[in-house]
Amino acid sequence: MGNQLFRIARNSVDEALQAGGSSRQEALMKARNALSSAYANSTDAERAQLHSMQEELNQLQNSRS
């Protein structure tokens, strides 16, 4: 079945990366919250992937600021 919080975080990050206009900021906040929730219940391998997703969000925010 896997880690549901991890899947939610991955989906939220994907949505944030695709979001544009006024929905972008809300999508970024949702993705950051999902990453935070998933981190506490993740394996080391999942944490490494979550870290990469966080970096993607940081780059997205910095490039569109």
PDB file of N, CA and C in Angstrom:
ATOM      1  N   MET A   1       0.827  -1.198   0.000  1.00  0.00           N
ATOM      2  CA  MET A   1       0.000   0.000   0.000  1.00  0.00           C
ATOM      3  C   MET A   1       0.867   1.256   0.000  1.00  0.00           C
ATOM      4  N   GLY A   2       1.957   1.246   0.741  1.00  0.00           N
ATOM      5  CA  GLY A   2       2.843   2.398   0.723  1.00  0.00           C
ATOM      6  C   GLY A   2       2.411   3.493   1.680  1.00  0.00           C
ATOM      7  N   ASN A   3       3.189   4.514   1.680  1.00  0.00           N
ATOM      8  CA  ASN A   3       2.975   5.651   2.564  1.00  0.00           C
ATOM      9  C   ASN A   3       2.020   6.644   1.898  1.00  0.00           C
ATOM     10  N   GLN A   4       0.805   6.707   2.407  1.00  0.00           N
ATOM     11  CA  GLN A   4      -0.207   7.573   1.810  1.00  0.00           C
ATOM     12  C   GLN A   4       0.186   9.050   1.908  1.00  0.00           C
ATOM     13  N   LEU A   5       0.767   9.461   3.024  1.00  0.00           N
ATOM     14  CA  LEU A   5       1.177  10.861   3.164  1.00  0.00           C
ATOM     15  C   LEU A   5       2.260  11.219   2.146  1.00  0.00           C
ATOM     16  N   PHE A   6       3.131  10.268   1.864  1.00  0.00           N
ATOM     17  CA  PHE A   6       4.161  10.496   0.852  1.00  0.00           C
ATOM     18  C   PHE A   6       3.515  10.694  -0.520  1.00  0.00           C
ATOM     19  N   ARG A   7       2.556   9.852  -0.854  1.00  0.00           N
ATOM     20  CA  ARG A   7       1.864   9.979  -2.153  1.00  0.00           C
ATOM     21  C   ARG A   7       1.133  11.310  -2.255  1.00  0.00           C
ATOM     22  N   ILE A   8       0.494  11.722  -1.178  1.00  0.00           N
ATOM     23  CA  ILE A   8      -0.206  13.010  -1.176  1.00  0.00           C
ATOM     24  C   ILE A   8       0.798  14.139  -1.390  1.00  0.00           C
ATOM     25  N   ALA A   9       1.930  14.062  -0.723  1.00  0.00           N
ATOM     26  CA  ALA A   9       2.961  15.098  -0.884  1.00  0.00           C
ATOM     27  C   ALA A   9       3.454  15.145  -2.318  1.00  0.00           C
ATOM     28  N   ARG A  10       3.733  13.985  -2.897  1.00  0.00           N
ATOM     29  CA  ARG A  10       4.217  13.941  -4.277  1.00  0.00           C
ATOM     30  C   ARG A  10       3.183  14.538  -5.236  1.00  0.00           C
ATOM     31  N   ASN A  11       1.922  14.196  -5.039  1.00  0.00           N
ATOM     32  CA  ASN A  11       0.864  14.750  -5.894  1.00  0.00           C
ATOM     33  C   ASN A  11       0.719  16.254  -5.705  1.00  0.00           C
ATOM     34  N   SER A  12       0.830  16.712  -4.475  1.00  0.00           N
ATOM     35  CA  SER A  12       0.717  18.149  -4.196  1.00  0.00           C
ATOM     36  C   SER A  12       1.860  18.931  -4.824  1.00  0.00           C
ATOM     37  N   VAL A  13       3.055  18.370  -4.777  1.00  0.00           N
ATOM     38  CA  VAL A  13       4.200  19.028  -5.404  1.00  0.00           C
ATOM     39  C   VAL A  13       3.997  19.081  -6.913  1.00  0.00           C
ATOM     40  N   ASP A  14       3.531  17.988  -7.501  1.00  0.00           N
ATOM     41  CA  ASP A  14       3.257  17.982  -8.943  1.00  0.00           C
ATOM     42  C   ASP A  14       2.248  19.068  -9.318  1.00  0.00           C
ATOM     43  N   GLU A  15       1.202  19.193  -8.512  1.00  0.00           N
ATOM     44  CA  GLU A  15       0.190  20.228  -8.767  1.00  0.00           C
ATOM     45  C   GLU A  15       0.793  21.626  -8.664  1.00  0.00           C
ATOM     46  N   ALA A  16       1.639  21.832  -7.673  1.00  0.00           N
ATOM     47  CA  ALA A  16       2.270  23.144  -7.496  1.00  0.00           C
ATOM     48  C   ALA A  16       3.171  23.481  -8.679  1.00  0.00           C
ATOM     49  N   LEU A  17       3.887  22.482  -9.177  1.00  0.00           N
ATOM     50  CA  LEU A  17       4.778  22.716 -10.311  1.00  0.00           C
ATOM     51  C   LEU A  17       4.008  23.074 -11.572  1.00  0.00           C
ATOM     52  N   GLN A  18       2.776  22.613 -11.672  1.00  0.00           N
ATOM     53  CA  GLN A  18       1.955  22.884 -12.846  1.00  0.00           C
ATOM     54  C   GLN A  18       1.056  24.108 -12.672  1.00  0.00           C
ATOM     55  N   ALA A  19       0.911  24.578 -11.453  1.00  0.00           N
ATOM     56  CA  ALA A  19      -0.007  25.687 -11.175  1.00  0.00           C
ATOM     57  C   ALA A  19       0.525  26.993 -11.751  1.00  0.00           C
ATOM     58  N   GLY A  20      -0.388  27.837 -12.103  1.00  0.00           N
ATOM     59  CA  GLY A  20      -0.014  29.152 -12.602  1.00  0.00           C
ATOM     60  C   GLY A  20      -0.960  30.205 -12.062  1.00  0.00           C
ATOM     61  N   GLY A  21      -0.590  31.422 -12.251  1.00  0.00           N
ATOM     62  CA  GLY A  21      -1.449  32.532 -11.858  1.00  0.00           C
ATOM     63  C   GLY A  21      -1.733  32.582 -10.379  1.00  0.00           C
ATOM     64  N   SER A  22      -2.971  32.889 -10.048  1.00  0.00           N
ATOM     65  CA  SER A  22      -3.350  33.095  -8.651  1.00  0.00           C
ATOM     66  C   SER A  22      -3.376  31.800  -7.848  1.00  0.00           C
ATOM     67  N   SER A  23      -3.480  30.662  -8.498  1.00  0.00           N
ATOM     68  CA  SER A  23      -3.532  29.394  -7.768  1.00  0.00           C
ATOM     69  C   SER A  23      -2.142  28.905  -7.355  1.00  0.00           C
ATOM     70  N   ARG A  24      -1.085  29.515  -7.900  1.00  0.00           N
ATOM     71  CA  ARG A  24       0.274  29.061  -7.616  1.00  0.00           C
ATOM     72  C   ARG A  24       0.625  29.152  -6.136  1.00  0.00           C
ATOM     73  N   GLN A  25       0.349  30.278  -5.509  1.00  0.00           N
ATOM     74  CA  GLN A  25       0.721  30.455  -4.104  1.00  0.00           C
ATOM     75  C   GLN A  25      -0.013  29.464  -3.210  1.00  0.00           C
ATOM     76  N   GLU A  26      -1.292  29.261  -3.473  1.00  0.00           N
ATOM     77  CA  GLU A  26      -2.065  28.297  -2.686  1.00  0.00           C
ATOM     78  C   GLU A  26      -1.529  26.877  -2.885  1.00  0.00           C
ATOM     79  N   ALA A  27      -1.191  26.542  -4.115  1.00  0.00           N
ATOM     80  CA  ALA A  27      -0.633  25.219  -4.405  1.00  0.00           C
ATOM     81  C   ALA A  27       0.712  25.027  -3.720  1.00  0.00           C
ATOM     82  N   LEU A  28       1.538  26.060  -3.679  1.00  0.00           N
ATOM     83  CA  LEU A  28       2.834  25.981  -2.983  1.00  0.00           C
ATOM     84  C   LEU A  28       2.638  25.732  -1.490  1.00  0.00           C
ATOM     85  N   MET A  29       1.707  26.449  -0.888  1.00  0.00           N
ATOM     86  CA  MET A  29       1.450  26.274   0.544  1.00  0.00           C
ATOM     87  C   MET A  29       0.934  24.868   0.833  1.00  0.00           C
ATOM     88  N   LYS A  30       0.022  24.380  -0.010  1.00  0.00           N
ATOM     89  CA  LYS A  30      -0.515  23.035   0.164  1.00  0.00           C
ATOM     90  C   LYS A  30       0.598  22.001   0.043  1.00  0.00           C
ATOM     91  N   ALA A  31       1.468  22.169  -0.927  1.00  0.00           N
ATOM     92  CA  ALA A  31       2.560  21.224  -1.128  1.00  0.00           C
ATOM     93  C   ALA A  31       3.534  21.247   0.047  1.00  0.00           C
ATOM     94  N   ARG A  32       3.861  22.424   0.546  1.00  0.00           N
ATOM     95  CA  ARG A  32       4.769  22.516   1.695  1.00  0.00           C
ATOM     96  C   ARG A  32       4.175  21.838   2.935  1.00  0.00           C
ATOM     97  N   ASN A  33       2.886  22.032   3.154  1.00  0.00           N
ATOM     98  CA  ASN A  33       2.224  21.379   4.288  1.00  0.00           C
ATOM     99  C   ASN A  33       2.224  19.862   4.119  1.00  0.00           C
ATOM    100  N   ALA A  34       1.974  19.398   2.913  1.00  0.00           N
ATOM    101  CA  ALA A  34       1.958  17.965   2.648  1.00  0.00           C
ATOM    102  C   ALA A  34       3.346  17.367   2.856  1.00  0.00           C
ATOM    103  N   LEU A  35       4.388  18.075   2.421  1.00  0.00           N
ATOM    104  CA  LEU A  35       5.756  17.603   2.629  1.00  0.00           C
ATOM    105  C   LEU A  35       6.070  17.497   4.114  1.00  0.00           C
ATOM    106  N   SER A  36       5.664  18.486   4.863  1.00  0.00           N
ATOM    107  CA  SER A  36       5.914  18.491   6.300  1.00  0.00           C
ATOM    108  C   SER A  36       5.216  17.317   6.979  1.00  0.00           C
ATOM    109  N   SER A  37       3.979  17.058   6.601  1.00  0.00           N
ATOM    110  CA  SER A  37       3.231  15.942   7.184  1.00  0.00           C
ATOM    111  C   SER A  37       3.862  14.602   6.828  1.00  0.00           C
ATOM    112  N   ALA A  38       4.309  14.472   5.610  1.00  0.00           N
ATOM    113  CA  ALA A  38       4.871  13.203   5.150  1.00  0.00           C
ATOM    114  C   ALA A  38       6.229  12.919   5.778  1.00  0.00           C
ATOM    115  N   TYR A  39       6.983  13.935   6.071  1.00  0.00           N
ATOM    116  CA  TYR A  39       8.360  13.752   6.531  1.00  0.00           C
ATOM    117  C   TYR A  39       8.443  12.914   7.811  1.00  0.00           C
ATOM    118  N   ALA A  40       7.575  13.180   8.761  1.00  0.00           N
ATOM    119  CA  ALA A  40       7.649  12.508  10.058  1.00  0.00           C
ATOM    120  C   ALA A  40       7.378  11.013   9.965  1.00  0.00           C
ATOM    121  N   ASN A  41       6.637  10.591   8.960  1.00  0.00           N
ATOM    122  CA  ASN A  41       6.246   9.188   8.837  1.00  0.00           C
ATOM    123  C   ASN A  41       6.927   8.483   7.676  1.00  0.00           C
ATOM    124  N   SER A  42       8.088   8.950   7.286  1.00  0.00           N
ATOM    125  CA  SER A  42       8.745   8.427   6.092  1.00  0.00           C
ATOM    126  C   SER A  42       9.996   7.627   6.426  1.00  0.00           C
ATOM    127  N   THR A  43      10.340   6.763   5.497  1.00  0.00           N
ATOM    128  CA  THR A  43      11.603   6.038   5.583  1.00  0.00           C
ATOM    129  C   THR A  43      12.729   6.978   5.157  1.00  0.00           C
ATOM    130  N   ASP A  44      13.953   6.553   5.343  1.00  0.00           N
ATOM    131  CA  ASP A  44      15.088   7.375   4.928  1.00  0.00           C
ATOM    132  C   ASP A  44      15.065   7.643   3.425  1.00  0.00           C
ATOM    133  N   ALA A  45      14.725   6.630   2.656  1.00  0.00           N
ATOM    134  CA  ALA A  45      14.666   6.793   1.195  1.00  0.00           C
ATOM    135  C   ALA A  45      13.572   7.792   0.805  1.00  0.00           C
ATOM    136  N   GLU A  46      12.419   7.702   1.462  1.00  0.00           N
ATOM    137  CA  GLU A  46      11.343   8.653   1.184  1.00  0.00           C
ATOM    138  C   GLU A  46      11.748  10.059   1.597  1.00  0.00           C
ATOM    139  N   ARG A  47      12.447  10.186   2.713  1.00  0.00           N
ATOM    140  CA  ARG A  47      12.901  11.506   3.161  1.00  0.00           C
ATOM    141  C   ARG A  47      13.833  12.142   2.141  1.00  0.00           C
ATOM    142  N   ALA A  48      14.686  11.347   1.538  1.00  0.00           N
ATOM    143  CA  ALA A  48      15.580  11.873   0.505  1.00  0.00           C
ATOM    144  C   ALA A  48      14.762  12.398  -0.675  1.00  0.00           C
ATOM    145  N   GLN A  49      13.728  11.666  -1.052  1.00  0.00           N
ATOM    146  CA  GLN A  49      12.871  12.112  -2.147  1.00  0.00           C
ATOM    147  C   GLN A  49      12.080  13.357  -1.753  1.00  0.00           C
ATOM    148  N   LEU A  50      11.607  13.395  -0.515  1.00  0.00           N
ATOM    149  CA  LEU A  50      10.884  14.575  -0.033  1.00  0.00           C
ATOM    150  C   LEU A  50      11.786  15.805  -0.047  1.00  0.00           C
ATOM    151  N   HIS A  51      13.046  15.599   0.305  1.00  0.00           N
ATOM    152  CA  HIS A  51      14.001  16.708   0.273  1.00  0.00           C
ATOM    153  C   HIS A  51      14.151  17.233  -1.155  1.00  0.00           C
ATOM    154  N   SER A  52      14.236  16.330  -2.111  1.00  0.00           N
ATOM    155  CA  SER A  52      14.329  16.737  -3.517  1.00  0.00           C
ATOM    156  C   SER A  52      13.088  17.510  -3.950  1.00  0.00           C
ATOM    157  N   MET A  53      11.932  17.057  -3.500  1.00  0.00           N
ATOM    158  CA  MET A  53      10.685  17.764  -3.827  1.00  0.00           C
ATOM    159  C   MET A  53      10.680  19.163  -3.223  1.00  0.00           C
ATOM    160  N   GLN A  54      11.198  19.273  -1.992  1.00  0.00           N
ATOM    161  CA  GLN A  54      11.279  20.586  -1.338  1.00  0.00           C
ATOM    162  C   GLN A  54      12.176  21.516  -2.135  1.00  0.00           C
ATOM    163  N   GLU A  55      13.284  20.992  -2.628  1.00  0.00           N
ATOM    164  CA  GLU A  55      14.195  21.793  -3.447  1.00  0.00           C
ATOM    165  C   GLU A  55      13.496  22.262  -4.727  1.00  0.00           C
ATOM    166  N   GLU A  56      12.679  21.398  -5.325  1.00  0.00           N
ATOM    167  CA  GLU A  56      11.924  21.791  -6.520  1.00  0.00           C
ATOM    168  C   GLU A  56      10.987  22.947  -6.212  1.00  0.00           C
ATOM    169  N   LEU A  57      10.317  22.862  -5.068  1.00  0.00           N
ATOM    170  CA  LEU A  57       9.411  23.951  -4.676  1.00  0.00           C
ATOM    171  C   LEU A  57      10.179  25.241  -4.434  1.00  0.00           C
ATOM    172  N   ASN A  58      11.343  25.135  -3.800  1.00  0.00           N
ATOM    173  CA  ASN A  58      12.165  26.320  -3.557  1.00  0.00           C
ATOM    174  C   ASN A  58      12.579  26.971  -4.875  1.00  0.00           C
ATOM    175  N   GLN A  59      12.994  26.148  -5.832  1.00  0.00           N
ATOM    176  CA  GLN A  59      13.382  26.678  -7.138  1.00  0.00           C
ATOM    177  C   GLN A  59      12.204  27.323  -7.844  1.00  0.00           C
ATOM    178  N   LEU A  60      11.044  26.684  -7.749  1.00  0.00           N
ATOM    179  CA  LEU A  60       9.843  27.238  -8.369  1.00  0.00           C
ATOM    180  C   LEU A  60       9.513  28.598  -7.769  1.00  0.00           C
ATOM    181  N   GLN A  61       9.539  28.675  -6.463  1.00  0.00           N
ATOM    182  CA  GLN A  61       9.208  29.935  -5.804  1.00  0.00           C
ATOM    183  C   GLN A  61      10.216  31.018  -6.138  1.00  0.00           C
ATOM    184  N   ASN A  62      11.491  30.660  -6.163  1.00  0.00           N
ATOM    185  CA  ASN A  62      12.532  31.653  -6.463  1.00  0.00           C
ATOM    186  C   ASN A  62      12.496  32.101  -7.912  1.00  0.00           C
ATOM    187  N   SER A  63      12.159  31.206  -8.811  1.00  0.00           N
ATOM    188  CA  SER A  63      12.142  31.566 -10.244  1.00  0.00           C
ATOM    189  C   SER A  63      10.928  32.389 -10.612  1.00  0.00           C
ATOM    190  N   ARG A  64       9.887  32.281  -9.850  1.00  0.00           N
ATOM    191  CA  ARG A  64       8.649  33.007 -10.187  1.00  0.00           C
ATOM    192  C   ARG A  64       8.365  34.168  -9.265  1.00  0.00           C
ATOM    193  N   SER A  65       9.292  34.468  -8.392  1.00  0.00           N
ATOM    194  CA  SER A  65       9.083  35.593  -7.451  1.00  0.00           C
ATOM    195  C   SER A  65       9.296  36.925  -8.147  1.00  0.00           C
TER     196      SER A  65
END
